[in-house]
Amino acid sequence: MHATIQRMTEIVASGDDTKIIEILADDVQFMPPTYYKTWTGAEPTAAILGHVGQIFQDFEYRRIMGEGKDWALEFQCKVGDLDAVGVDLITLDDDGKIATFEVVMRPYKTVGALRDAIMARVITDPRFLKFKDALR
């Protein structure tokens, strides 16, 4: 397993979302399951992932597949009392940092609950006022 992917699983397991930024490329492209646009940049991506880490419960990676720069990390979790499964699709850059991070998740009802929980958090998070231009 690539060192960055191993580090990501350690960060997720630790629950310390402040460390995720160390493995993100400065210009990382993040595509969440709750919003069709792409977030650009390590700071907004780390902030969003921090909120998600607090919303997801019983998060566990079930399978990790890939090699070289392309990885798929299958996970399961809960959002409130709703179950979900998903996949983190990750591409690493030449420096081994996460260049693209796309999250695909189901079922629809849980994705909607995640969207509502994220929106409730970001509208009260002053960091996101400066990130609104990060959307492209």
C-alpha atoms as a PDB file:
ATOM      1  CA  MET A   1       0.000   0.000   0.000  1.00  0.00           C
ATOM      2  CA  HIS A   2       1.250   3.506  -0.825  1.00  0.00           C
ATOM      3  CA  ALA A   3       2.538   5.441   2.214  1.00  0.00           C
ATOM      4  CA  THR A   4      -0.003   8.260   1.651  1.00  0.00           C
ATOM      5  CA  ILE A   5      -2.928   5.831   1.626  1.00  0.00           C
ATOM      6  CA  GLN A   6      -1.585   4.162   4.763  1.00  0.00           C
ATOM      7  CA  ARG A   7      -1.226   7.579   6.425  1.00  0.00           C
ATOM      8  CA  MET A   8      -4.784   8.488   5.420  1.00  0.00           C
ATOM      9  CA  THR A   9      -6.195   5.377   7.099  1.00  0.00           C
ATOM     10  CA  GLU A  10      -4.168   6.213  10.248  1.00  0.00           C
ATOM     11  CA  ILE A  11      -5.466   9.807  10.291  1.00  0.00           C
ATOM     12  CA  VAL A  12      -9.060   8.654   9.842  1.00  0.00           C
ATOM     13  CA  ALA A  13      -8.655   6.047  12.590  1.00  0.00           C
ATOM     14  CA  SER A  14      -7.142   8.640  14.950  1.00  0.00           C
ATOM     15  CA  GLY A  15     -10.098  11.009  14.570  1.00  0.00           C
ATOM     16  CA  ASP A  16      -7.651  13.946  14.350  1.00  0.00           C
ATOM     17  CA  ASP A  17      -8.911  15.758  11.262  1.00  0.00           C
ATOM     18  CA  THR A  18      -6.265  18.498  11.614  1.00  0.00           C
ATOM     19  CA  LYS A  19      -3.666  16.104  10.187  1.00  0.00           C
ATOM     20  CA  ILE A  20      -5.406  15.439   6.849  1.00  0.00           C
ATOM     21  CA  ILE A  21      -3.964  18.599   5.302  1.00  0.00           C
ATOM     22  CA  GLU A  22      -0.437  17.125   5.460  1.00  0.00           C
ATOM     23  CA  ILE A  23      -1.297  14.563   2.765  1.00  0.00           C
ATOM     24  CA  LEU A  24      -3.304  16.859   0.452  1.00  0.00           C
ATOM     25  CA  ALA A  25      -1.750  18.573  -2.553  1.00  0.00           C
ATOM     26  CA  ASP A  26      -2.071  22.371  -2.352  1.00  0.00           C
ATOM     27  CA  ASP A  27      -4.386  22.336  -5.392  1.00  0.00           C
ATOM     28  CA  VAL A  28      -6.298  19.141  -4.538  1.00  0.00           C
ATOM     29  CA  GLN A  29      -9.623  18.731  -6.325  1.00  0.00           C
ATOM     30  CA  PHE A  30     -12.328  17.439  -3.940  1.00  0.00           C
ATOM     31  CA  MET A  31     -15.643  16.113  -5.231  1.00  0.00           C
ATOM     32  CA  PRO A  32     -18.086  15.354  -2.387  1.00  0.00           C
ATOM     33  CA  PRO A  33     -21.165  13.160  -2.785  1.00  0.00           C
ATOM     34  CA  THR A  34     -23.433  15.958  -1.560  1.00  0.00           C
ATOM     35  CA  TYR A  35     -22.497  18.719  -3.978  1.00  0.00           C
ATOM     36  CA  TYR A  36     -21.854  18.529  -7.719  1.00  0.00           C
ATOM     37  CA  LYS A  37     -19.223  21.256  -7.927  1.00  0.00           C
ATOM     38  CA  THR A  38     -15.555  20.664  -7.168  1.00  0.00           C
ATOM     39  CA  TRP A  39     -13.780  22.201  -4.180  1.00  0.00           C
ATOM     40  CA  THR A  40     -10.215  23.276  -4.987  1.00  0.00           C
ATOM     41  CA  GLY A  41      -7.402  23.569  -2.468  1.00  0.00           C
ATOM     42  CA  ALA A  42      -6.055  21.863   0.608  1.00  0.00           C
ATOM     43  CA  GLU A  43      -7.610  24.235   3.164  1.00  0.00           C
ATOM     44  CA  PRO A  44     -11.261  23.939   2.106  1.00  0.00           C
ATOM     45  CA  THR A  45     -10.880  20.200   1.499  1.00  0.00           C
ATOM     46  CA  ALA A  46      -9.386  19.660   4.957  1.00  0.00           C
ATOM     47  CA  ALA A  47     -12.148  21.768   6.527  1.00  0.00           C
ATOM     48  CA  ILE A  48     -14.915  19.801   4.796  1.00  0.00           C
ATOM     49  CA  LEU A  49     -13.295  16.466   5.672  1.00  0.00           C
ATOM     50  CA  GLY A  50     -13.038  17.637   9.276  1.00  0.00           C
ATOM     51  CA  HIS A  51     -16.770  18.245   9.429  1.00  0.00           C
ATOM     52  CA  VAL A  52     -17.524  14.943   7.703  1.00  0.00           C
ATOM     53  CA  GLY A  53     -15.319  13.147  10.215  1.00  0.00           C
ATOM     54  CA  GLN A  54     -17.488  14.543  13.011  1.00  0.00           C
ATOM     55  CA  ILE A  55     -20.752  13.618  11.259  1.00  0.00           C
ATOM     56  CA  PHE A  56     -19.859  10.057  10.257  1.00  0.00           C
ATOM     57  CA  GLN A  57     -20.259   7.483  13.001  1.00  0.00           C
ATOM     58  CA  ASP A  58     -18.838   3.962  13.107  1.00  0.00           C
ATOM     59  CA  PHE A  59     -16.664   4.784  10.086  1.00  0.00           C
ATOM     60  CA  GLU A  60     -14.575   1.892   8.816  1.00  0.00           C
ATOM     61  CA  TYR A  61     -12.633   1.187   5.644  1.00  0.00           C
ATOM     62  CA  ARG A  62     -13.707  -2.274   4.454  1.00  0.00           C
ATOM     63  CA  ARG A  63     -11.433  -2.699   1.438  1.00  0.00           C
ATOM     64  CA  ILE A  64      -8.548  -0.795  -0.072  1.00  0.00           C
ATOM     65  CA  MET A  65      -7.782  -1.413  -3.736  1.00  0.00           C
ATOM     66  CA  GLY A  66      -5.254   0.152  -6.028  1.00  0.00           C
ATOM     67  CA  GLU A  67      -1.676   0.628  -6.981  1.00  0.00           C
ATOM     68  CA  GLY A  68       0.610   3.414  -8.060  1.00  0.00           C
ATOM     69  CA  LYS A  69      -1.320   6.688  -8.155  1.00  0.00           C
ATOM     70  CA  ASP A  70      -4.910   5.356  -8.320  1.00  0.00           C
ATOM     71  CA  TRP A  71      -6.753   4.064  -5.246  1.00  0.00           C
ATOM     72  CA  ALA A  72     -10.282   3.102  -4.197  1.00  0.00           C
ATOM     73  CA  LEU A  73     -11.086   2.871  -0.488  1.00  0.00           C
ATOM     74  CA  GLU A  74     -14.451   1.282   0.242  1.00  0.00           C
ATOM     75  CA  PHE A  75     -16.058   2.376   3.511  1.00  0.00           C
ATOM     76  CA  GLN A  76     -19.133   1.929   5.648  1.00  0.00           C
ATOM     77  CA  CYS A  77     -20.524   4.330   8.215  1.00  0.00           C
ATOM     78  CA  LYS A  78     -23.628   5.812   9.755  1.00  0.00           C
ATOM     79  CA  VAL A  79     -25.075   9.301   9.457  1.00  0.00           C
ATOM     80  CA  GLY A  80     -27.371   9.533  12.447  1.00  0.00           C
ATOM     81  CA  ASP A  81     -29.321   6.281  12.397  1.00  0.00           C
ATOM     82  CA  LEU A  82     -28.903   5.784   8.635  1.00  0.00           C
ATOM     83  CA  ASP A  83     -26.398   3.303   7.192  1.00  0.00           C
ATOM     84  CA  ALA A  84     -24.186   4.111   4.226  1.00  0.00           C
ATOM     85  CA  VAL A  85     -21.508   2.592   2.061  1.00  0.00           C
ATOM     86  CA  GLY A  86     -19.196   4.480  -0.211  1.00  0.00           C
ATOM     87  CA  VAL A  87     -15.889   4.687  -1.989  1.00  0.00           C
ATOM     88  CA  ASP A  88     -13.138   7.277  -1.768  1.00  0.00           C
ATOM     89  CA  LEU A  89     -11.575   7.499  -5.246  1.00  0.00           C
ATOM     90  CA  ILE A  90      -8.112   8.962  -4.846  1.00  0.00           C
ATOM     91  CA  THR A  91      -5.402   9.936  -7.315  1.00  0.00           C
ATOM     92  CA  LEU A  92      -1.969  10.843  -6.031  1.00  0.00           C
ATOM     93  CA  ASP A  93       0.333  13.402  -7.624  1.00  0.00           C
ATOM     94  CA  ASP A  94       4.030  12.891  -8.430  1.00  0.00           C
ATOM     95  CA  ASP A  95       4.939  13.900  -4.863  1.00  0.00           C
ATOM     96  CA  GLY A  96       2.622  11.256  -3.398  1.00  0.00           C
ATOM     97  CA  LYS A  97       0.042  13.761  -2.153  1.00  0.00           C
ATOM     98  CA  ILE A  98      -3.680  13.484  -2.817  1.00  0.00           C
ATOM     99  CA  ALA A  99      -4.399  15.371  -6.055  1.00  0.00           C
ATOM    100  CA  THR A 100      -8.012  14.294  -6.576  1.00  0.00           C
ATOM    101  CA  PHE A 101     -10.424  12.980  -3.990  1.00  0.00           C
ATOM    102  CA  GLU A 102     -13.890  11.944  -5.127  1.00  0.00           C
ATOM    103  CA  VAL A 103     -16.448  10.419  -2.778  1.00  0.00           C
ATOM    104  CA  VAL A 104     -19.232   8.209  -4.126  1.00  0.00           C
ATOM    105  CA  MET A 105     -21.851   7.149  -1.586  1.00  0.00           C
ATOM    106  CA  ARG A 106     -25.242   5.453  -1.219  1.00  0.00           C
ATOM    107  CA  PRO A 107     -28.104   5.273  -0.395  1.00  0.00           C
ATOM    108  CA  TYR A 108     -29.648   8.539  -1.477  1.00  0.00           C
ATOM    109  CA  LYS A 109     -31.451   9.085   1.836  1.00  0.00           C
ATOM    110  CA  THR A 110     -28.161   8.960   3.773  1.00  0.00           C
ATOM    111  CA  VAL A 111     -26.420  11.274   1.311  1.00  0.00           C
ATOM    112  CA  GLY A 112     -29.275  13.739   1.854  1.00  0.00           C
ATOM    113  CA  ALA A 113     -28.852  13.495   5.628  1.00  0.00           C
ATOM    114  CA  LEU A 114     -25.104  14.107   5.203  1.00  0.00           C
ATOM    115  CA  ARG A 115     -25.806  17.148   3.006  1.00  0.00           C
ATOM    116  CA  ASP A 116     -28.160  18.602   5.611  1.00  0.00           C
ATOM    117  CA  ALA A 117     -25.659  17.996   8.429  1.00  0.00           C
ATOM    118  CA  ILE A 118     -22.793  19.549   6.440  1.00  0.00           C
ATOM    119  CA  MET A 119     -24.849  22.623   5.501  1.00  0.00           C
ATOM    120  CA  ALA A 120     -25.845  23.156   9.135  1.00  0.00           C
ATOM    121  CA  ARG A 121     -22.155  23.172  10.070  1.00  0.00           C
ATOM    122  CA  VAL A 122     -20.609  25.206   7.248  1.00  0.00           C
ATOM    123  CA  ILE A 123     -23.093  28.077   7.428  1.00  0.00           C
ATOM    124  CA  THR A 124     -21.879  28.666  10.985  1.00  0.00           C
ATOM    125  CA  ASP A 125     -18.177  28.059  10.222  1.00  0.00           C
ATOM    126  CA  PRO A 126     -16.394  31.356   9.479  1.00  0.00           C
ATOM    127  CA  ARG A 127     -13.632  29.507   7.583  1.00  0.00           C
ATOM    128  CA  PHE A 128     -16.064  28.839   4.737  1.00  0.00           C
ATOM    129  CA  LEU A 129     -16.686  32.500   3.961  1.00  0.00           C
ATOM    130  CA  LYS A 130     -13.195  32.692   2.455  1.00  0.00           C
ATOM    131  CA  PHE A 131     -13.637  29.336   0.684  1.00  0.00           C
ATOM    132  CA  LYS A 132     -16.782  30.188  -1.251  1.00  0.00           C
ATOM    133  CA  ASP A 133     -14.549  31.296  -4.142  1.00  0.00           C
ATOM    134  CA  ALA A 134     -12.806  27.894  -4.077  1.00  0.00           C
ATOM    135  CA  LEU A 135     -15.732  26.394  -5.973  1.00  0.00           C
ATOM    136  CA  ARG A 136     -15.335  26.196  -9.695  1.00  0.00           C
END
